Amino acid sequence: MNITNDEDVKFFIDCATNSITGEIPHLYIRPPKVEARIIPGPSGILQKVLARKKADVQAGGHDNILTTQEYVRKVNEDVSEDDDFMQGPWLKAIVYLHAEGLISSDYLGDIKKYCINGKLKLVVGVVKSCTPNSLGDVTVTLKDPTGTIGGTIHYKVFQNKNDRYAKSIKVGSVLILCNVSVWTPKPSQHYLNITIKNIVKVFDKDTKF
């Protein structure tokens, strides 16, 4: 067994002491280290970023610590092989959530669990489709690492063509939404009803990281 940390040193010192005194230790087998469960989606990425930064601070001091942006990129590479979550808009969204302290988000792959009183508290998703309908609204499909969901963005979001939302909401952009109403026509069907009040932040598809 290699000595890699202070726990290993203490373990071997105890062994040596007991061999000299003749005492029989109560337990020589240390319990295995249990890693924290990594939750899916942006919350899981943030969880790993914070844990890795904490570990690096304890191990090497502040001088060698990467920026949050660098940590997000490295952790995201570890937890995702999907190209949608390796692009600038998604990575920027994760950094934004970190800066704002928005650690927890609801997961599109398990709407039933996170939908409370017909609403999702926080949604982060990549726009996979974006099509105007006959009423002037825009039908979209949003995707996060846990799943996808369809929805409609109210036409007032796009009324002013010079508005940043009208220009930036398109396929490839990332939306951060809050308190979004969920329409459930059937137990297995869920749709988001997105209004301008729900939009926290939009990261254009051309956002650089």
Protein backbone atom coordinates (compact mmCIF):
# COMPACT_ATOMS: atom_id res chain seq x y z
CA MET A 1 0.00 0.00 0.00
CA ASN A 2 1.38 3.43 -0.94
CA ILE A 3 1.45 6.35 1.50
CA THR A 4 -0.37 9.15 -0.27
CA ASN A 5 -1.81 11.37 2.47
CA ASP A 6 -1.91 12.12 6.21
CA GLU A 7 -4.45 9.35 6.83
CA ASP A 8 -2.02 6.78 5.41
CA VAL A 9 0.79 8.10 7.64
CA LYS A 10 -1.38 7.88 10.75
CA PHE A 11 -2.51 4.38 9.78
CA PHE A 12 1.04 3.04 9.51
CA ILE A 13 2.16 4.80 12.71
CA ASP A 14 -0.69 3.10 14.57
CA CYS A 15 0.35 -0.25 13.09
CA ALA A 16 3.97 0.25 14.16
CA THR A 17 2.99 1.35 17.67
CA ASN A 18 0.74 -1.64 18.18
CA SER A 19 3.44 -4.05 16.98
CA ILE A 20 5.82 -2.67 19.63
CA THR A 21 3.37 -2.60 22.54
CA GLY A 22 1.76 -5.88 21.65
CA GLU A 23 -1.67 -4.33 21.65
CA ILE A 24 -4.16 -5.63 19.14
CA PRO A 25 -5.88 -2.84 17.26
CA HIS A 26 -9.66 -2.91 17.15
CA LEU A 27 -9.73 -2.44 13.40
CA TYR A 28 -6.98 -2.30 10.83
CA ILE A 29 -9.25 -1.97 7.82
CA ARG A 30 -10.27 1.57 7.07
CA PRO A 31 -13.70 2.11 5.56
CA PRO A 32 -13.68 2.92 1.85
CA LYS A 33 -14.04 6.54 0.87
CA VAL A 34 -17.54 7.29 -0.35
CA GLU A 35 -17.67 9.96 -3.01
CA ALA A 36 -20.58 12.37 -3.03
CA ARG A 37 -23.27 11.44 -5.53
CA ILE A 38 -23.00 13.62 -8.61
CA ILE A 39 -26.43 14.87 -9.53
CA PRO A 40 -27.24 15.36 -13.22
CA GLY A 41 -27.45 18.55 -15.23
CA PRO A 42 -25.86 21.94 -14.44
CA SER A 43 -26.24 21.36 -10.70
CA GLY A 44 -24.00 18.31 -10.93
CA ILE A 45 -21.38 20.22 -12.88
CA LEU A 46 -21.40 22.98 -10.27
CA GLN A 47 -21.18 20.39 -7.51
CA LYS A 48 -18.05 18.90 -9.04
CA VAL A 49 -16.52 22.34 -9.72
CA LEU A 50 -16.94 23.41 -6.09
CA ALA A 51 -15.65 20.08 -4.76
CA ARG A 52 -12.58 20.12 -7.03
CA LYS A 53 -11.76 23.73 -6.17
CA LYS A 54 -12.05 22.96 -2.45
CA ALA A 55 -9.78 19.93 -2.79
CA ASP A 56 -7.18 21.91 -4.74
CA VAL A 57 -7.21 24.74 -2.20
CA GLN A 58 -6.60 22.25 0.62
CA ALA A 59 -3.86 20.48 -1.33
CA GLY A 60 -1.89 23.29 -2.88
CA GLY A 61 -2.95 26.67 -1.63
CA HIS A 62 -4.44 29.48 -3.65
CA ASP A 63 -1.52 30.11 -6.00
CA ASN A 64 -2.20 27.05 -8.15
CA ILE A 65 -5.98 27.32 -8.29
CA LEU A 66 -7.58 27.52 -11.73
CA THR A 67 -10.23 30.09 -12.54
CA THR A 68 -13.86 29.02 -12.28
CA GLN A 69 -14.04 29.19 -16.06
CA GLU A 70 -11.16 26.73 -16.40
CA TYR A 71 -12.69 24.41 -13.81
CA VAL A 72 -16.04 24.41 -15.61
CA ARG A 73 -14.39 23.42 -18.87
CA LYS A 74 -12.39 20.60 -17.27
CA VAL A 75 -15.31 19.24 -15.23
CA ASN A 76 -17.70 19.47 -18.17
CA GLU A 77 -15.29 17.36 -20.23
CA ASP A 78 -15.37 14.75 -17.47
CA VAL A 79 -19.16 14.48 -17.15
CA SER A 80 -20.39 14.99 -20.72
CA GLU A 81 -19.63 13.58 -24.13
CA ASP A 82 -22.54 15.43 -25.76
CA ASP A 83 -21.34 18.21 -28.04
CA ASP A 84 -24.31 20.40 -27.05
CA PHE A 85 -22.78 20.73 -23.59
CA MET A 86 -19.26 21.46 -24.76
CA GLN A 87 -20.07 24.72 -26.52
CA GLY A 88 -19.64 28.32 -25.37
CA PRO A 89 -23.31 29.07 -24.55
CA TRP A 90 -23.70 26.13 -22.17
CA LEU A 91 -20.31 26.66 -20.49
CA LYS A 92 -21.03 30.37 -20.05
CA ALA A 93 -24.41 29.52 -18.54
CA ILE A 94 -22.73 27.27 -15.97
CA VAL A 95 -20.28 30.04 -15.02
CA TYR A 96 -23.20 32.48 -14.72
CA LEU A 97 -25.08 30.09 -12.41
CA HIS A 98 -21.95 29.74 -10.27
CA ALA A 99 -21.49 33.51 -10.04
CA GLU A 100 -25.14 34.06 -9.09
CA GLY A 101 -25.15 31.25 -6.55
CA LEU A 102 -27.88 29.37 -8.45
CA ILE A 103 -26.65 25.88 -7.64
CA SER A 104 -29.88 23.92 -7.94
CA SER A 105 -31.95 23.53 -11.11
CA ASP A 106 -34.84 21.34 -12.19
CA TYR A 107 -34.20 18.49 -14.60
CA LEU A 108 -36.07 18.09 -17.85
CA GLY A 109 -35.70 14.31 -17.68
CA ASP A 110 -37.77 14.08 -14.48
CA ILE A 111 -40.47 16.75 -14.70
CA LYS A 112 -42.86 14.93 -12.34
CA LYS A 113 -40.37 15.12 -9.50
CA TYR A 114 -39.47 18.78 -9.87
CA CYS A 115 -42.76 20.30 -11.01
CA ILE A 116 -44.35 21.95 -7.95
CA ASN A 117 -47.76 23.57 -8.22
CA GLY A 118 -47.51 23.39 -11.99
CA LYS A 119 -44.17 25.20 -12.19
CA LEU A 120 -40.44 24.55 -12.49
CA LYS A 121 -38.33 26.80 -10.28
CA LEU A 122 -35.22 26.95 -12.48
CA VAL A 123 -34.62 25.53 -15.96
CA VAL A 124 -31.40 25.59 -17.98
CA GLY A 125 -31.62 24.23 -21.50
CA VAL A 126 -30.10 24.28 -24.97
CA VAL A 127 -32.53 25.30 -27.74
CA LYS A 128 -32.71 22.35 -30.14
CA SER A 129 -35.59 23.61 -32.30
CA CYS A 130 -37.19 27.02 -32.70
CA THR A 131 -40.19 27.48 -35.03
CA PRO A 132 -42.78 30.31 -35.21
CA ASN A 133 -46.41 29.19 -35.17
CA SER A 134 -49.57 30.69 -36.64
CA LEU A 135 -50.35 32.64 -33.44
CA GLY A 136 -47.05 34.50 -33.46
CA ASP A 137 -45.59 32.44 -30.62
CA VAL A 138 -42.45 30.35 -31.08
CA THR A 139 -42.44 26.60 -30.51
CA VAL A 140 -39.17 25.36 -29.02
CA THR A 141 -37.51 22.18 -27.80
CA LEU A 142 -35.14 22.53 -24.85
CA LYS A 143 -32.50 20.01 -23.85
CA ASP A 144 -30.38 19.48 -20.75
CA PRO A 145 -28.14 16.51 -19.85
CA THR A 146 -31.14 14.61 -18.44
CA GLY A 147 -33.66 14.95 -21.28
CA THR A 148 -35.70 17.21 -23.57
CA ILE A 149 -39.02 19.02 -23.38
CA GLY A 150 -41.16 21.01 -25.79
CA GLY A 151 -42.58 24.41 -25.07
CA THR A 152 -43.93 27.68 -26.39
CA ILE A 153 -42.37 31.12 -26.02
CA HIS A 154 -45.00 33.88 -25.93
CA TYR A 155 -45.05 36.21 -28.91
CA LYS A 156 -44.42 39.30 -26.74
CA VAL A 157 -40.85 38.07 -26.17
CA PHE A 158 -40.29 38.67 -29.91
CA GLN A 159 -42.43 41.78 -30.44
CA ASN A 160 -39.53 44.20 -30.53
CA LYS A 161 -37.22 42.99 -33.31
CA ASN A 162 -34.38 45.05 -31.84
CA ASP A 163 -34.74 43.36 -28.46
CA ARG A 164 -31.89 41.11 -27.37
CA TYR A 165 -34.23 38.17 -26.90
CA ALA A 166 -35.61 38.39 -30.43
CA LYS A 167 -32.08 38.30 -31.79
CA SER A 168 -30.52 35.72 -29.49
CA ILE A 169 -33.17 33.02 -29.01
CA LYS A 170 -32.45 30.52 -31.76
CA VAL A 171 -31.21 26.96 -32.24
CA GLY A 172 -27.98 26.53 -30.29
CA SER A 173 -28.60 29.24 -27.72
CA VAL A 174 -29.03 28.46 -24.01
CA LEU A 175 -31.93 29.72 -21.90
CA ILE A 176 -31.97 30.16 -18.13
CA LEU A 177 -35.59 30.33 -17.00
CA CYS A 178 -37.33 30.72 -13.65
CA ASN A 179 -40.82 29.87 -12.35
CA VAL A 180 -41.88 28.37 -15.68
CA SER A 181 -45.44 27.09 -15.97
CA VAL A 182 -45.80 23.48 -17.12
CA TRP A 183 -48.81 22.36 -19.16
CA THR A 184 -49.56 18.64 -18.80
CA PRO A 185 -52.33 17.52 -21.18
CA LYS A 186 -51.50 13.88 -20.39
CA PRO A 187 -49.50 12.30 -17.54
CA SER A 188 -46.67 11.51 -19.94
CA GLN A 189 -46.73 14.82 -21.83
CA HIS A 190 -45.30 18.07 -20.51
CA TYR A 191 -44.80 21.44 -22.18
CA LEU A 192 -43.29 24.69 -20.97
CA ASN A 193 -45.22 27.93 -21.25
CA ILE A 194 -42.48 30.56 -21.44
CA THR A 195 -43.19 34.28 -21.05
CA ILE A 196 -40.85 37.25 -20.85
CA LYS A 197 -41.11 37.17 -17.04
CA ASN A 198 -39.60 33.67 -17.02
CA ILE A 199 -36.43 34.62 -18.88
CA VAL A 200 -33.44 35.15 -16.60
CA LYS A 201 -30.66 35.02 -19.18
CA VAL A 202 -30.10 34.06 -22.81
CA PHE A 203 -26.72 33.01 -24.15
CA ASP A 204 -26.55 33.37 -27.93
CA LYS A 205 -25.37 30.37 -29.96
CA ASP A 206 -22.24 32.31 -30.93
CA THR A 207 -21.23 32.97 -27.31
CA LYS A 208 -17.52 32.33 -26.81
CA PHE A 209 -16.06 30.72 -23.73
